[in-house]
């Protein structure tokens, strides 16, 4: 993950301006869900992933957690396992996008999780 978790890494292959809505999201060990919405706002790039029945709900994933894009398959891959994503702070859309402490907790969690990746 970059120093700023709210930006894509330079080598992930992201094409700025690409609408990611509906893209599949894969963890290192399998499918997580699809992108329900995303923000490309500078310094605040994130994905809201609909995990469906897998964990029942949505996940807020900072852009820095994305390892690579596969435009042909409309898939983005994370450097994390499904379990690591499942253990992230729960996403409650009615308050979380504006809650500074929540966003700091999310960033801290993903930094820690990515530091433990091989």
C-alpha atoms as a PDB file:
ATOM      1  CA  UNK A   1       0.000   0.000   0.000  1.00  0.00           C
ATOM      2  CA  UNK A   2       1.228   3.493  -0.703  1.00  0.00           C
ATOM      3  CA  UNK A   3       1.898   5.985   2.085  1.00  0.00           C
ATOM      4  CA  UNK A   4      -1.501   7.424   1.235  1.00  0.00           C
ATOM      5  CA  UNK A   5      -3.966   4.518   1.230  1.00  0.00           C
ATOM      6  CA  UNK A   6      -6.535   6.664  -0.555  1.00  0.00           C
ATOM      7  CA  UNK A   7      -4.608   6.571  -3.865  1.00  0.00           C
ATOM      8  CA  UNK A   8      -3.867   3.745  -6.310  1.00  0.00           C
ATOM      9  CA  UNK A   9      -0.317   2.434  -6.374  1.00  0.00           C
ATOM     10  CA  UNK A  10       1.733   3.510  -9.365  1.00  0.00           C
ATOM     11  CA  UNK A  11       2.177  -0.053 -10.680  1.00  0.00           C
ATOM     12  CA  UNK A  12      -1.379  -1.445 -10.292  1.00  0.00           C
ATOM     13  CA  UNK A  13      -2.409  -0.575 -13.846  1.00  0.00           C
ATOM     14  CA  UNK A  14      -5.318   1.721 -13.033  1.00  0.00           C
ATOM     15  CA  UNK A  15      -6.517   3.821 -15.951  1.00  0.00           C
ATOM     16  CA  UNK A  16      -7.751   7.171 -14.563  1.00  0.00           C
ATOM     17  CA  UNK A  17     -11.316   7.977 -15.548  1.00  0.00           C
ATOM     18  CA  UNK A  18     -12.325   4.312 -15.879  1.00  0.00           C
ATOM     19  CA  UNK A  19     -15.791   3.596 -14.481  1.00  0.00           C
ATOM     20  CA  UNK A  20     -15.220   0.652 -12.143  1.00  0.00           C
ATOM     21  CA  UNK A  21     -18.891   0.149 -11.254  1.00  0.00           C
ATOM     22  CA  UNK A  22     -19.826  -3.490 -11.813  1.00  0.00           C
ATOM     23  CA  UNK A  23     -16.225  -4.748 -11.958  1.00  0.00           C
ATOM     24  CA  UNK A  24     -15.465  -7.981 -10.120  1.00  0.00           C
ATOM     25  CA  UNK A  25     -13.239  -7.827  -7.045  1.00  0.00           C
ATOM     26  CA  UNK A  26     -10.905 -10.722  -6.289  1.00  0.00           C
ATOM     27  CA  UNK A  27      -8.893 -11.369  -3.144  1.00  0.00           C
ATOM     28  CA  UNK A  28      -5.698 -13.433  -3.296  1.00  0.00           C
ATOM     29  CA  UNK A  29      -7.811 -16.521  -2.578  1.00  0.00           C
ATOM     30  CA  UNK A  30     -11.069 -15.918  -4.390  1.00  0.00           C
ATOM     31  CA  UNK A  31     -14.013 -13.738  -5.373  1.00  0.00           C
ATOM     32  CA  UNK A  32     -15.212 -11.083  -2.933  1.00  0.00           C
ATOM     33  CA  UNK A  33     -17.911  -9.209  -4.819  1.00  0.00           C
ATOM     34  CA  UNK A  34     -18.450  -6.363  -7.261  1.00  0.00           C
ATOM     35  CA  UNK A  35     -17.756  -2.646  -7.177  1.00  0.00           C
ATOM     36  CA  UNK A  36     -21.006  -0.916  -6.211  1.00  0.00           C
ATOM     37  CA  UNK A  37     -19.507   2.568  -6.373  1.00  0.00           C
ATOM     38  CA  UNK A  38     -16.151   4.266  -6.336  1.00  0.00           C
ATOM     39  CA  UNK A  39     -14.563   7.654  -5.921  1.00  0.00           C
ATOM     40  CA  UNK A  40     -11.752   8.980  -8.095  1.00  0.00           C
ATOM     41  CA  UNK A  41     -11.489  12.200  -6.103  1.00  0.00           C
ATOM     42  CA  UNK A  42      -7.817  13.033  -5.583  1.00  0.00           C
ATOM     43  CA  UNK A  43      -6.676  11.955  -2.128  1.00  0.00           C
ATOM     44  CA  UNK A  44      -9.945  10.114  -1.484  1.00  0.00           C
ATOM     45  CA  UNK A  45      -9.930   7.221  -3.953  1.00  0.00           C
ATOM     46  CA  UNK A  46     -11.854   4.241  -2.659  1.00  0.00           C
ATOM     47  CA  UNK A  47     -14.174   1.446  -3.671  1.00  0.00           C
ATOM     48  CA  UNK A  48     -17.443   0.402  -2.123  1.00  0.00           C
ATOM     49  CA  UNK A  49     -17.642  -3.325  -2.747  1.00  0.00           C
ATOM     50  CA  UNK A  50     -20.934  -5.201  -2.591  1.00  0.00           C
ATOM     51  CA  UNK A  51     -19.968  -8.504  -0.997  1.00  0.00           C
ATOM     52  CA  UNK A  52     -23.466  -9.928  -1.390  1.00  0.00           C
ATOM     53  CA  UNK A  53     -24.184 -13.011   0.678  1.00  0.00           C
ATOM     54  CA  UNK A  54     -20.498 -13.652   1.337  1.00  0.00           C
ATOM     55  CA  UNK A  55     -20.427 -11.309   4.326  1.00  0.00           C
ATOM     56  CA  UNK A  56     -23.813  -9.661   3.837  1.00  0.00           C
ATOM     57  CA  UNK A  57     -23.143  -6.068   3.094  1.00  0.00           C
ATOM     58  CA  UNK A  58     -20.700  -3.649   1.629  1.00  0.00           C
ATOM     59  CA  UNK A  59     -17.032  -2.996   2.253  1.00  0.00           C
ATOM     60  CA  UNK A  60     -15.048   0.215   2.021  1.00  0.00           C
ATOM     61  CA  UNK A  61     -11.711  -0.587   0.358  1.00  0.00           C
ATOM     62  CA  UNK A  62      -9.052   2.122  -0.006  1.00  0.00           C
ATOM     63  CA  UNK A  63      -7.493   2.296  -3.470  1.00  0.00           C
ATOM     64  CA  UNK A  64      -4.072   1.425  -2.060  1.00  0.00           C
ATOM     65  CA  UNK A  65      -5.268  -2.131  -1.379  1.00  0.00           C
ATOM     66  CA  UNK A  66      -5.660  -2.802  -5.123  1.00  0.00           C
ATOM     67  CA  UNK A  67      -2.738  -4.813  -6.493  1.00  0.00           C
ATOM     68  CA  UNK A  68      -3.694  -4.845 -10.177  1.00  0.00           C
ATOM     69  CA  UNK A  69      -6.404  -4.305 -12.765  1.00  0.00           C
ATOM     70  CA  UNK A  70      -7.447  -6.617 -15.567  1.00  0.00           C
ATOM     71  CA  UNK A  71      -9.397  -4.398 -17.961  1.00  0.00           C
ATOM     72  CA  UNK A  72     -10.140  -7.260 -20.357  1.00  0.00           C
ATOM     73  CA  UNK A  73     -11.900  -9.254 -17.614  1.00  0.00           C
ATOM     74  CA  UNK A  74     -13.219  -6.108 -15.823  1.00  0.00           C
ATOM     75  CA  UNK A  75     -11.632  -7.394 -12.616  1.00  0.00           C
ATOM     76  CA  UNK A  76      -9.510  -5.800  -9.954  1.00  0.00           C
ATOM     77  CA  UNK A  77      -7.355  -7.854  -7.621  1.00  0.00           C
ATOM     78  CA  UNK A  78      -6.434  -7.110  -4.043  1.00  0.00           C
ATOM     79  CA  UNK A  79      -3.226  -8.182  -2.310  1.00  0.00           C
ATOM     80  CA  UNK A  80      -5.258  -9.535   0.611  1.00  0.00           C
ATOM     81  CA  UNK A  81      -7.025 -12.755   1.462  1.00  0.00           C
ATOM     82  CA  UNK A  82     -10.781 -12.994   1.857  1.00  0.00           C
ATOM     83  CA  UNK A  83     -10.331 -13.353   5.611  1.00  0.00           C
ATOM     84  CA  UNK A  84      -8.290 -10.142   5.816  1.00  0.00           C
ATOM     85  CA  UNK A  85     -10.968  -8.235   3.920  1.00  0.00           C
ATOM     86  CA  UNK A  86     -13.727  -9.800   6.024  1.00  0.00           C
ATOM     87  CA  UNK A  87     -11.993  -8.615   9.215  1.00  0.00           C
ATOM     88  CA  UNK A  88     -11.856  -4.961   8.056  1.00  0.00           C
ATOM     89  CA  UNK A  89     -13.995  -2.407   9.892  1.00  0.00           C
ATOM     90  CA  UNK A  90     -17.653  -2.754   8.930  1.00  0.00           C
ATOM     91  CA  UNK A  91     -18.970  -0.236   6.391  1.00  0.00           C
ATOM     92  CA  UNK A  92     -22.021   1.759   7.443  1.00  0.00           C
ATOM     93  CA  UNK A  93     -22.723   4.112   4.522  1.00  0.00           C
ATOM     94  CA  UNK A  94     -24.995   6.521   6.359  1.00  0.00           C
ATOM     95  CA  UNK A  95     -22.062   7.847   8.410  1.00  0.00           C
ATOM     96  CA  UNK A  96     -18.757   6.293   7.461  1.00  0.00           C
ATOM     97  CA  UNK A  97     -17.710   8.224   4.360  1.00  0.00           C
ATOM     98  CA  UNK A  98     -17.763  11.483   6.314  1.00  0.00           C
ATOM     99  CA  UNK A  99     -16.412  10.072   9.611  1.00  0.00           C
ATOM    100  CA  UNK A 100     -12.726  11.000   9.805  1.00  0.00           C
ATOM    101  CA  UNK A 101     -11.939   8.577  12.649  1.00  0.00           C
ATOM    102  CA  UNK A 102     -13.569   5.678  10.796  1.00  0.00           C
ATOM    103  CA  UNK A 103     -11.521   6.445   7.669  1.00  0.00           C
ATOM    104  CA  UNK A 104      -8.336   6.573   9.763  1.00  0.00           C
ATOM    105  CA  UNK A 105      -9.267   3.199  11.310  1.00  0.00           C
ATOM    106  CA  UNK A 106      -9.856   1.714   7.835  1.00  0.00           C
ATOM    107  CA  UNK A 107      -6.527   3.037   6.555  1.00  0.00           C
ATOM    108  CA  UNK A 108      -4.688   1.704   9.630  1.00  0.00           C
ATOM    109  CA  UNK A 109      -6.337  -1.711   9.260  1.00  0.00           C
ATOM    110  CA  UNK A 110      -5.429  -2.067   5.584  1.00  0.00           C
ATOM    111  CA  UNK A 111      -1.850  -0.871   6.176  1.00  0.00           C
ATOM    112  CA  UNK A 112      -1.431  -3.523   8.879  1.00  0.00           C
ATOM    113  CA  UNK A 113      -3.063  -6.241   6.764  1.00  0.00           C
ATOM    114  CA  UNK A 114      -0.904  -5.431   3.734  1.00  0.00           C
ATOM    115  CA  UNK A 115       2.263  -5.346   5.814  1.00  0.00           C
ATOM    116  CA  UNK A 116       1.557  -8.968   6.758  1.00  0.00           C
ATOM    117  CA  UNK A 117       1.271 -10.097   3.106  1.00  0.00           C
ATOM    118  CA  UNK A 118       4.198 -12.075   1.703  1.00  0.00           C
END
